[in-house]
């Protein structure tokens, strides 16, 4: 007897995934233009790609994370200057940090 796998959600059409790859490449071309192709691909692979069923907020969170990591790779001196000029904060390990936000998924 053959049991077929039934997905809880219908799969998005292949065109939706093609569009996501185009968006990723557009962002890489815009923010990582001075990086080697190997480093660009490694960064894109290290981030979980947006999915067609993701919400606007999840897509925006992905893009903000991508832009932040791109800045670290392409403008490390500017990022260090920003961090250097920020005031020190005291961290209390026994209390949850206001800076922590749970994953969107």
N, C-alpha and C. Protein backbone atom coordinates (compact mmCIF):
# COMPACT_ATOMS: atom_id res chain seq x y z
N UNK A 1 0.83 -1.18 0.00
CA UNK A 1 0.00 0.00 0.00
C UNK A 1 0.88 1.25 0.00
N UNK A 2 0.58 2.20 -0.83
CA UNK A 2 1.37 3.42 -0.97
C UNK A 2 0.65 4.56 -0.26
N UNK A 3 1.33 5.19 0.66
CA UNK A 3 0.76 6.34 1.37
C UNK A 3 1.37 7.61 0.82
N UNK A 4 0.55 8.49 0.34
CA UNK A 4 1.04 9.76 -0.19
C UNK A 4 1.12 10.78 0.93
N UNK A 5 2.15 11.62 0.89
CA UNK A 5 2.30 12.67 1.89
C UNK A 5 1.34 13.80 1.56
N UNK A 6 0.56 14.20 2.55
CA UNK A 6 -0.38 15.30 2.39
C UNK A 6 0.14 16.49 3.20
N UNK A 7 0.44 17.58 2.52
CA UNK A 7 0.93 18.78 3.18
C UNK A 7 -0.24 19.52 3.82
N UNK A 8 0.00 20.10 5.00
CA UNK A 8 -1.04 20.87 5.67
C UNK A 8 -1.35 22.15 4.89
N UNK A 9 -0.34 22.70 4.24
CA UNK A 9 -0.51 23.93 3.46
C UNK A 9 -0.21 23.61 2.00
N UNK A 10 -0.94 24.20 1.09
CA UNK A 10 -0.59 23.98 -0.31
C UNK A 10 0.75 24.62 -0.63
N UNK A 11 1.50 23.98 -1.48
CA UNK A 11 2.80 24.51 -1.86
C UNK A 11 2.63 25.72 -2.77
N UNK A 12 3.54 26.66 -2.63
CA UNK A 12 3.52 27.84 -3.49
C UNK A 12 4.00 27.44 -4.88
N UNK A 13 3.55 28.12 -5.89
CA UNK A 13 4.02 27.79 -7.25
C UNK A 13 5.51 28.09 -7.38
N UNK A 14 6.20 27.38 -8.27
CA UNK A 14 7.64 27.60 -8.45
C UNK A 14 7.99 29.06 -8.76
N UNK A 15 7.07 29.77 -9.43
CA UNK A 15 7.33 31.16 -9.77
C UNK A 15 7.54 32.01 -8.51
N UNK A 16 6.85 31.66 -7.42
CA UNK A 16 7.00 32.42 -6.17
C UNK A 16 8.42 32.29 -5.64
N UNK A 17 9.00 31.08 -5.73
CA UNK A 17 10.37 30.88 -5.27
C UNK A 17 11.37 31.57 -6.20
N UNK A 18 11.06 31.58 -7.49
CA UNK A 18 11.91 32.33 -8.43
C UNK A 18 11.92 33.81 -8.09
N UNK A 19 10.76 34.35 -7.74
CA UNK A 19 10.67 35.76 -7.36
C UNK A 19 11.48 36.05 -6.11
N UNK A 20 11.44 35.13 -5.15
CA UNK A 20 12.23 35.32 -3.92
C UNK A 20 13.72 35.32 -4.25
N UNK A 21 14.16 34.40 -5.10
CA UNK A 21 15.57 34.39 -5.50
C UNK A 21 15.96 35.69 -6.19
N UNK A 22 15.07 36.23 -7.01
CA UNK A 22 15.34 37.51 -7.67
C UNK A 22 15.48 38.64 -6.64
N UNK A 23 14.64 38.63 -5.63
CA UNK A 23 14.71 39.66 -4.58
C UNK A 23 16.03 39.52 -3.82
N UNK A 24 16.40 38.29 -3.49
CA UNK A 24 17.68 38.08 -2.79
C UNK A 24 18.85 38.58 -3.64
N UNK A 25 18.84 38.27 -4.91
CA UNK A 25 19.92 38.71 -5.79
C UNK A 25 19.93 40.23 -5.95
N UNK A 26 18.74 40.84 -6.01
CA UNK A 26 18.66 42.30 -6.10
C UNK A 26 19.27 42.93 -4.85
N UNK A 27 18.92 42.40 -3.67
CA UNK A 27 19.47 42.93 -2.42
C UNK A 27 20.99 42.72 -2.39
N UNK A 28 21.45 41.56 -2.84
CA UNK A 28 22.89 41.29 -2.85
C UNK A 28 23.60 42.24 -3.82
N UNK A 29 23.02 42.47 -4.99
CA UNK A 29 23.63 43.39 -5.95
C UNK A 29 23.70 44.81 -5.39
N UNK A 30 22.68 45.19 -4.64
CA UNK A 30 22.61 46.55 -4.11
C UNK A 30 23.54 46.74 -2.91
N UNK A 31 23.53 45.79 -1.97
CA UNK A 31 24.26 45.98 -0.71
C UNK A 31 25.60 45.26 -0.64
N UNK A 32 25.85 44.32 -1.54
CA UNK A 32 27.09 43.55 -1.48
C UNK A 32 27.89 43.65 -2.77
N UNK A 33 27.75 44.75 -3.48
CA UNK A 33 28.38 44.88 -4.81
C UNK A 33 29.90 44.77 -4.77
N UNK A 34 30.54 45.12 -3.66
CA UNK A 34 32.01 45.06 -3.58
C UNK A 34 32.52 43.76 -2.98
N UNK A 35 31.63 42.84 -2.65
CA UNK A 35 32.02 41.57 -2.05
C UNK A 35 32.22 40.52 -3.14
N UNK A 36 33.06 39.57 -2.88
CA UNK A 36 33.28 38.50 -3.85
C UNK A 36 32.02 37.65 -4.00
N UNK A 37 31.84 37.01 -5.15
CA UNK A 37 30.67 36.14 -5.34
C UNK A 37 30.59 35.02 -4.30
N UNK A 38 31.73 34.51 -3.89
CA UNK A 38 31.74 33.44 -2.89
C UNK A 38 31.19 33.95 -1.56
N UNK A 39 31.64 35.14 -1.14
CA UNK A 39 31.16 35.71 0.12
C UNK A 39 29.67 36.07 0.03
N UNK A 40 29.25 36.59 -1.11
CA UNK A 40 27.82 36.92 -1.31
C UNK A 40 26.96 35.67 -1.16
N UNK A 41 27.37 34.59 -1.84
CA UNK A 41 26.60 33.36 -1.77
C UNK A 41 26.59 32.78 -0.36
N UNK A 42 27.73 32.88 0.33
CA UNK A 42 27.79 32.37 1.71
C UNK A 42 26.83 33.14 2.61
N UNK A 43 26.76 34.45 2.46
CA UNK A 43 25.84 35.23 3.28
C UNK A 43 24.39 34.87 2.97
N UNK A 44 24.05 34.76 1.70
CA UNK A 44 22.68 34.40 1.33
C UNK A 44 22.31 33.01 1.84
N UNK A 45 23.25 32.07 1.77
CA UNK A 45 22.97 30.72 2.27
C UNK A 45 22.85 30.69 3.79
N UNK A 46 23.56 31.59 4.48
CA UNK A 46 23.53 31.58 5.94
C UNK A 46 22.22 32.10 6.50
N UNK A 47 21.52 32.90 5.73
CA UNK A 47 20.22 33.41 6.16
C UNK A 47 19.12 32.51 5.61
N UNK A 48 18.13 32.26 6.42
CA UNK A 48 17.00 31.50 5.90
C UNK A 48 16.25 32.38 4.91
N UNK A 49 16.09 31.90 3.71
CA UNK A 49 15.41 32.69 2.67
C UNK A 49 13.96 32.97 3.07
N UNK A 50 13.46 34.12 2.67
CA UNK A 50 12.03 34.37 2.87
C UNK A 50 11.23 33.30 2.13
N UNK A 51 10.03 33.05 2.60
CA UNK A 51 9.16 32.07 1.96
C UNK A 51 7.95 32.78 1.38
N UNK A 52 7.34 32.23 0.37
CA UNK A 52 6.17 32.88 -0.23
C UNK A 52 5.05 33.14 0.77
N UNK A 53 4.91 32.27 1.76
CA UNK A 53 3.80 32.44 2.71
C UNK A 53 4.15 33.37 3.88
N UNK A 54 5.37 33.90 3.92
CA UNK A 54 5.75 34.80 5.00
C UNK A 54 4.95 36.10 4.95
N UNK A 55 4.80 36.68 6.11
CA UNK A 55 4.08 37.96 6.21
C UNK A 55 5.02 39.11 5.83
N UNK A 56 4.44 40.27 5.67
CA UNK A 56 5.22 41.47 5.38
C UNK A 56 6.25 41.71 6.47
N UNK A 57 5.85 41.52 7.73
CA UNK A 57 6.76 41.76 8.86
C UNK A 57 7.94 40.80 8.82
N UNK A 58 7.69 39.55 8.45
CA UNK A 58 8.78 38.58 8.36
C UNK A 58 9.72 38.92 7.21
N UNK A 59 9.15 39.35 6.10
CA UNK A 59 10.00 39.77 4.97
C UNK A 59 10.84 40.98 5.35
N UNK A 60 10.23 41.91 6.04
CA UNK A 60 10.96 43.12 6.46
C UNK A 60 12.07 42.76 7.45
N UNK A 61 11.79 41.85 8.38
CA UNK A 61 12.81 41.42 9.35
C UNK A 61 13.99 40.76 8.62
N UNK A 62 13.69 39.94 7.59
CA UNK A 62 14.77 39.31 6.82
C UNK A 62 15.62 40.38 6.15
N UNK A 63 14.97 41.36 5.52
CA UNK A 63 15.71 42.40 4.81
C UNK A 63 16.55 43.24 5.77
N UNK A 64 16.01 43.58 6.94
CA UNK A 64 16.78 44.36 7.92
C UNK A 64 17.99 43.58 8.41
N UNK A 65 17.80 42.28 8.65
CA UNK A 65 18.93 41.45 9.08
C UNK A 65 19.98 41.37 7.97
N UNK A 66 19.52 41.19 6.74
CA UNK A 66 20.44 41.13 5.61
C UNK A 66 21.23 42.43 5.49
N UNK A 67 20.56 43.57 5.58
CA UNK A 67 21.23 44.87 5.45
C UNK A 67 22.24 45.06 6.57
N UNK A 68 21.87 44.67 7.80
CA UNK A 68 22.80 44.79 8.92
C UNK A 68 24.05 43.95 8.73
N UNK A 69 23.87 42.70 8.29
CA UNK A 69 25.02 41.85 8.05
C UNK A 69 25.85 42.35 6.88
N UNK A 70 25.18 42.87 5.86
CA UNK A 70 25.90 43.43 4.72
C UNK A 70 26.76 44.61 5.16
N UNK A 71 26.23 45.44 6.05
CA UNK A 71 27.02 46.58 6.55
C UNK A 71 28.25 46.10 7.31
N UNK A 72 28.09 45.04 8.11
CA UNK A 72 29.25 44.50 8.84
C UNK A 72 30.34 44.03 7.88
N UNK A 73 29.93 43.45 6.77
CA UNK A 73 30.90 42.92 5.81
C UNK A 73 31.50 43.97 4.90
N UNK A 74 30.73 45.00 4.57
CA UNK A 74 31.19 45.97 3.58
C UNK A 74 31.64 47.29 4.17
N UNK A 75 31.21 47.60 5.40
CA UNK A 75 31.57 48.88 6.02
C UNK A 75 31.94 48.68 7.49
N UNK A 76 32.90 47.80 7.77
CA UNK A 76 33.20 47.50 9.17
C UNK A 76 33.66 48.72 9.96
N UNK A 77 34.40 49.62 9.34
CA UNK A 77 34.87 50.81 10.07
C UNK A 77 33.70 51.70 10.49
N UNK A 78 32.72 51.88 9.61
CA UNK A 78 31.55 52.70 9.94
C UNK A 78 30.74 52.05 11.04
N UNK A 79 30.59 50.73 11.01
CA UNK A 79 29.84 50.02 12.05
C UNK A 79 30.56 50.14 13.39
N UNK A 80 31.88 49.97 13.37
CA UNK A 80 32.65 50.09 14.62
C UNK A 80 32.52 51.50 15.19
N UNK A 81 32.52 52.51 14.35
CA UNK A 81 32.38 53.89 14.81
C UNK A 81 31.01 54.12 15.46
N UNK A 82 29.98 53.57 14.86
CA UNK A 82 28.63 53.69 15.44
C UNK A 82 28.58 53.03 16.81
N UNK A 83 29.12 51.81 16.89
CA UNK A 83 29.10 51.08 18.16
C UNK A 83 29.96 51.80 19.20
N UNK A 84 31.11 52.31 18.78
CA UNK A 84 32.01 53.00 19.70
C UNK A 84 31.35 54.23 20.33
N UNK A 85 30.52 54.91 19.57
CA UNK A 85 29.89 56.14 20.06
C UNK A 85 28.59 55.91 20.82
N UNK A 86 28.16 54.67 20.94
CA UNK A 86 26.94 54.39 21.70
C UNK A 86 27.27 54.35 23.20
N UNK A 87 26.34 54.77 24.04
CA UNK A 87 26.60 54.69 25.49
C UNK A 87 26.61 53.23 25.96
N UNK A 88 27.40 53.00 27.00
CA UNK A 88 27.45 51.67 27.60
C UNK A 88 26.13 51.37 28.26
N UNK A 89 25.74 50.10 28.24
CA UNK A 89 24.53 49.66 28.93
C UNK A 89 24.89 48.56 29.90
N UNK A 90 24.21 48.57 31.03
CA UNK A 90 24.43 47.51 32.00
C UNK A 90 23.47 46.36 31.69
N UNK A 91 24.01 45.15 31.67
CA UNK A 91 23.20 43.97 31.36
C UNK A 91 22.99 43.20 32.65
N UNK A 92 21.75 42.84 32.90
CA UNK A 92 21.40 42.06 34.09
C UNK A 92 21.03 40.65 33.62
N UNK A 93 21.92 39.68 33.84
CA UNK A 93 21.65 38.34 33.32
C UNK A 93 20.41 37.68 33.91
N UNK A 94 19.99 38.11 35.09
CA UNK A 94 18.83 37.48 35.71
C UNK A 94 17.51 38.07 35.23
N UNK A 95 17.57 39.15 34.46
CA UNK A 95 16.35 39.75 33.92
C UNK A 95 16.37 39.66 32.40
N UNK A 96 15.22 39.42 31.79
CA UNK A 96 15.20 39.40 30.31
C UNK A 96 15.57 40.76 29.76
N UNK A 97 16.30 40.76 28.69
CA UNK A 97 16.73 41.99 28.06
C UNK A 97 15.61 42.60 27.24
N UNK A 98 15.51 43.91 27.25
CA UNK A 98 14.56 44.60 26.37
C UNK A 98 15.00 44.47 24.92
N UNK A 99 16.29 44.17 24.72
CA UNK A 99 16.81 44.09 23.37
C UNK A 99 16.42 42.77 22.69
N UNK A 100 16.07 41.77 23.49
CA UNK A 100 15.72 40.47 22.92
C UNK A 100 14.30 40.53 22.36
N UNK A 101 14.15 40.06 21.16
CA UNK A 101 12.81 39.90 20.61
C UNK A 101 12.69 38.49 20.09
N UNK A 102 11.62 37.79 20.42
CA UNK A 102 11.49 36.40 19.98
C UNK A 102 11.39 36.30 18.47
N UNK A 103 11.73 35.17 17.91
CA UNK A 103 11.64 35.00 16.46
C UNK A 103 10.22 35.25 15.96
N UNK A 104 10.13 35.73 14.72
CA UNK A 104 8.82 36.03 14.15
C UNK A 104 8.05 34.79 13.75
N UNK A 105 8.72 33.69 13.55
CA UNK A 105 8.02 32.49 13.08
C UNK A 105 7.49 31.69 14.22
